[in-house]
Structures are given as C-alpha cells and as structure tokens.
Amino acid sequence: MKEVDLKKSVYELTEEYPELIEILKELGFLGVAKAVVRKTLGRATTIPQGCQRQGKDLNEVLKKLEEKGFTVKQIDNQGVS
C-alpha cells in the first residue's frame, strides 16, 4: 500500500515513492522536479506546508493523490480526515 504520511518531508516521500515527483509537478509544485530543490527545500517542507506557501488547497491535493492510488495518513492538527 502506498501511504503518504503528511508529517514526512517532500524529500522523504519522493525518495520512498519517486512517482510522486511527477504527480506533485502536475499539481503545480514545479520545484519538486529539480533534484537540488528536493534535496534542500524539500527536506524542510511537508505537503501541507507546501500547500500553505503556494496557496493551494490541501484537500484538493490529497484528493488527487488518492485518485493516483495513494492513501493519506490522517493527522488531526491539519484538519485531514
């Protein structure tokens, strides 16, 4: 099962599931396609933080990830159910 833990950094998630790079890029997170950005900014950024910084709706991003076959590990403080 492919599970996205929203507490993990973008770097950790893309190392675990390389296919996330293209999915996140399609969602407008263009920096994720560049290895240097993933290895620097991506180490300090989670998906919820990235959504907040870029003004994206976290629930829409999570819906797209679920459509692509991922499950999202629930975390209460982000309002994700």
Foldseek 3Di string as FASTA:
>chain_A
DAEAEQVAFQLVNCVVPVVVLVLVVVVPPVLSVDPVCCVPVRRVHGLVRVCVVVVHDSVVSQVSVVVVPYHYDDDPVSVDD
